[in-house]
Amino acid sequence: MKVVGDDVRAAALALPQVRELFEWEMPTFRVAKKLFLTLPDGETSMAVKCPIAERNELVLAEPKKFWVAAHEAGGAWVRVRLEALDDLDELAAIVLDSWRQAASPKLLEEFADR
């Protein structure tokens, strides 16, 4: 199954307090007001929050799936090629991990109770 931008959108919007906006000529997703995901490159990839150490490990382990855009090299972001994802479960896990990094502690606590 090929993962597409609408799958990313569905995974992101299924999480609490997420809003989709159109900024920087692409769809962006925020939890409360914190950015946690973008859909650049004509929705063929997504950029998600990822601690730099983990990001570097991902890129080394799976360079066909993960990479770092030059302008994001100094930040805690990684790009993901949608066509390289295995399935919707992998997509959902990546989106959830990024959301957790941007969500407030209170929201994380409330979400953990579900």
C-alpha atoms as a PDB file:
ATOM      1  CA  MET A   1       0.000   0.000   0.000  1.00  0.00           C
ATOM      2  CA  LYS A   2       1.309   3.412  -0.950  1.00  0.00           C
ATOM      3  CA  VAL A   3       1.040   6.063   1.777  1.00  0.00           C
ATOM      4  CA  VAL A   4      -0.181   9.443   0.497  1.00  0.00           C
ATOM      5  CA  GLY A   5      -0.717  12.919   1.912  1.00  0.00           C
ATOM      6  CA  ASP A   6      -4.356  12.210   2.780  1.00  0.00           C
ATOM      7  CA  ASP A   7      -3.180   9.322   4.988  1.00  0.00           C
ATOM      8  CA  VAL A   8      -0.837  11.704   6.828  1.00  0.00           C
ATOM      9  CA  ARG A   9      -3.648  14.218   7.199  1.00  0.00           C
ATOM     10  CA  ALA A  10      -5.997  11.565   8.622  1.00  0.00           C
ATOM     11  CA  ALA A  11      -3.373  10.316  11.092  1.00  0.00           C
ATOM     12  CA  ALA A  12      -2.580  13.830  12.304  1.00  0.00           C
ATOM     13  CA  LEU A  13      -6.167  15.044  12.565  1.00  0.00           C
ATOM     14  CA  ALA A  14      -7.154  11.930  14.535  1.00  0.00           C
ATOM     15  CA  LEU A  15      -5.017  13.196  17.430  1.00  0.00           C
ATOM     16  CA  PRO A  16      -6.351  15.595  20.089  1.00  0.00           C
ATOM     17  CA  GLN A  17      -6.253  19.354  19.544  1.00  0.00           C
ATOM     18  CA  VAL A  18      -4.695  19.190  16.066  1.00  0.00           C
ATOM     19  CA  ARG A  19      -5.345  21.885  13.491  1.00  0.00           C
ATOM     20  CA  GLU A  20      -4.317  21.875   9.861  1.00  0.00           C
ATOM     21  CA  LEU A  21      -3.174  25.199   8.415  1.00  0.00           C
ATOM     22  CA  PHE A  22      -1.714  26.173   5.068  1.00  0.00           C
ATOM     23  CA  GLU A  23       1.578  27.963   5.677  1.00  0.00           C
ATOM     24  CA  TRP A  24       4.808  28.323   3.708  1.00  0.00           C
ATOM     25  CA  GLU A  25       2.949  27.030   0.643  1.00  0.00           C
ATOM     26  CA  MET A  26       2.203  23.632   2.253  1.00  0.00           C
ATOM     27  CA  PRO A  27      -0.120  21.938   4.759  1.00  0.00           C
ATOM     28  CA  THR A  28       1.124  22.199   8.336  1.00  0.00           C
ATOM     29  CA  PHE A  29      -0.198  20.602  11.506  1.00  0.00           C
ATOM     30  CA  ARG A  30      -0.128  21.999  15.014  1.00  0.00           C
ATOM     31  CA  VAL A  31      -1.123  20.664  18.399  1.00  0.00           C
ATOM     32  CA  ALA A  32      -2.431  23.639  20.316  1.00  0.00           C
ATOM     33  CA  LYS A  33      -0.185  26.223  18.624  1.00  0.00           C
ATOM     34  CA  LYS A  34       2.974  24.113  18.342  1.00  0.00           C
ATOM     35  CA  LEU A  35       4.082  22.876  14.949  1.00  0.00           C
ATOM     36  CA  PHE A  36       4.707  19.123  14.800  1.00  0.00           C
ATOM     37  CA  LEU A  37       4.300  18.098  11.140  1.00  0.00           C
ATOM     38  CA  THR A  38       4.460  19.555   7.651  1.00  0.00           C
ATOM     39  CA  LEU A  39       3.633  18.076   4.235  1.00  0.00           C
ATOM     40  CA  PRO A  40       6.196  19.625   1.850  1.00  0.00           C
ATOM     41  CA  ASP A  41       7.316  18.502  -1.607  1.00  0.00           C
ATOM     42  CA  GLY A  42       3.834  18.245  -3.091  1.00  0.00           C
ATOM     43  CA  GLU A  43       2.777  15.971  -0.215  1.00  0.00           C
ATOM     44  CA  THR A  44       5.290  13.274  -1.182  1.00  0.00           C
ATOM     45  CA  SER A  45       7.121  13.593   2.130  1.00  0.00           C
ATOM     46  CA  MET A  46       6.495  14.822   5.631  1.00  0.00           C
ATOM     47  CA  ALA A  47       8.692  16.642   8.113  1.00  0.00           C
ATOM     48  CA  VAL A  48       8.264  15.577  11.735  1.00  0.00           C
ATOM     49  CA  LYS A  49       9.811  16.503  15.050  1.00  0.00           C
ATOM     50  CA  CYS A  50      12.611  14.155  16.052  1.00  0.00           C
ATOM     51  CA  PRO A  51      15.424  14.609  18.593  1.00  0.00           C
ATOM     52  CA  ILE A  52      18.675  15.176  16.701  1.00  0.00           C
ATOM     53  CA  ALA A  53      20.441  12.082  18.069  1.00  0.00           C
ATOM     54  CA  GLU A  54      17.518   9.836  17.095  1.00  0.00           C
ATOM     55  CA  ARG A  55      17.176  11.604  13.766  1.00  0.00           C
ATOM     56  CA  ASN A  56      20.796  10.935  12.874  1.00  0.00           C
ATOM     57  CA  GLU A  57      20.380   7.255  13.750  1.00  0.00           C
ATOM     58  CA  LEU A  58      17.255   6.999  11.571  1.00  0.00           C
ATOM     59  CA  VAL A  59      18.977   8.619   8.592  1.00  0.00           C
ATOM     60  CA  LEU A  60      21.978   6.302   8.924  1.00  0.00           C
ATOM     61  CA  ALA A  61      19.823   3.197   9.343  1.00  0.00           C
ATOM     62  CA  GLU A  62      17.265   3.927   6.598  1.00  0.00           C
ATOM     63  CA  PRO A  63      18.505   6.653   4.223  1.00  0.00           C
ATOM     64  CA  LYS A  64      15.906   5.776   1.570  1.00  0.00           C
ATOM     65  CA  LYS A  65      13.162   6.538   4.080  1.00  0.00           C
ATOM     66  CA  PHE A  66      14.593   9.374   6.226  1.00  0.00           C
ATOM     67  CA  TRP A  67      16.705  12.430   5.428  1.00  0.00           C
ATOM     68  CA  VAL A  68      17.407  15.901   6.733  1.00  0.00           C
ATOM     69  CA  ALA A  69      16.664  18.957   4.627  1.00  0.00           C
ATOM     70  CA  ALA A  70      19.554  21.425   4.622  1.00  0.00           C
ATOM     71  CA  HIS A  71      17.521  24.220   6.236  1.00  0.00           C
ATOM     72  CA  GLU A  72      16.422  21.853   9.045  1.00  0.00           C
ATOM     73  CA  ALA A  73      19.890  20.453   9.857  1.00  0.00           C
ATOM     74  CA  GLY A  74      20.216  22.501  13.043  1.00  0.00           C
ATOM     75  CA  GLY A  75      16.751  21.689  14.338  1.00  0.00           C
ATOM     76  CA  ALA A  76      15.006  18.628  15.686  1.00  0.00           C
ATOM     77  CA  TRP A  77      13.271  17.663  12.422  1.00  0.00           C
ATOM     78  CA  VAL A  78      13.533  14.740  10.027  1.00  0.00           C
ATOM     79  CA  ARG A  79      11.962  14.228   6.613  1.00  0.00           C
ATOM     80  CA  VAL A  80      10.149  11.014   5.735  1.00  0.00           C
ATOM     81  CA  ARG A  81       9.518   9.819   2.174  1.00  0.00           C
ATOM     82  CA  LEU A  82       5.896   8.668   2.160  1.00  0.00           C
ATOM     83  CA  GLU A  83       6.431   6.100  -0.599  1.00  0.00           C
ATOM     84  CA  ALA A  84       9.103   4.404   1.546  1.00  0.00           C
ATOM     85  CA  LEU A  85       6.796   3.788   4.518  1.00  0.00           C
ATOM     86  CA  ASP A  86       5.813   0.177   5.075  1.00  0.00           C
ATOM     87  CA  ASP A  87       2.172   0.750   6.010  1.00  0.00           C
ATOM     88  CA  LEU A  88      -0.329   2.966   7.816  1.00  0.00           C
ATOM     89  CA  ASP A  89       0.739   1.598  11.208  1.00  0.00           C
ATOM     90  CA  GLU A  90       4.278   2.870  10.653  1.00  0.00           C
ATOM     91  CA  LEU A  91       2.881   6.219   9.512  1.00  0.00           C
ATOM     92  CA  ALA A  92       0.640   6.483  12.581  1.00  0.00           C
ATOM     93  CA  ALA A  93       3.556   5.690  14.926  1.00  0.00           C
ATOM     94  CA  ILE A  94       5.750   8.391  13.364  1.00  0.00           C
ATOM     95  CA  VAL A  95       2.975  11.000  13.448  1.00  0.00           C
ATOM     96  CA  LEU A  96       2.101  10.140  17.063  1.00  0.00           C
ATOM     97  CA  ASP A  97       5.737  10.394  18.140  1.00  0.00           C
ATOM     98  CA  SER A  98       6.035  13.846  16.590  1.00  0.00           C
ATOM     99  CA  TRP A  99       2.729  14.951  18.162  1.00  0.00           C
ATOM    100  CA  ARG A 100       3.934  13.803  21.590  1.00  0.00           C
ATOM    101  CA  GLN A 101       7.010  16.015  21.289  1.00  0.00           C
ATOM    102  CA  ALA A 102       4.885  19.099  20.700  1.00  0.00           C
ATOM    103  CA  ALA A 103       1.878  18.408  22.960  1.00  0.00           C
ATOM    104  CA  SER A 104       1.690  19.940  26.421  1.00  0.00           C
ATOM    105  CA  PRO A 105       2.361  17.753  29.463  1.00  0.00           C
ATOM    106  CA  LYS A 106      -1.294  18.143  30.480  1.00  0.00           C
ATOM    107  CA  LEU A 107      -2.537  16.977  27.068  1.00  0.00           C
ATOM    108  CA  LEU A 108      -0.109  14.045  27.115  1.00  0.00           C
ATOM    109  CA  GLU A 109      -1.471  13.037  30.511  1.00  0.00           C
ATOM    110  CA  GLU A 110      -5.066  13.268  29.290  1.00  0.00           C
ATOM    111  CA  PHE A 111      -4.229  11.326  26.117  1.00  0.00           C
ATOM    112  CA  ALA A 112      -2.467   8.588  28.122  1.00  0.00           C
ATOM    113  CA  ASP A 113      -5.742   7.897  29.924  1.00  0.00           C
ATOM    114  CA  ARG A 114      -7.449   6.872  26.661  1.00  0.00           C
END
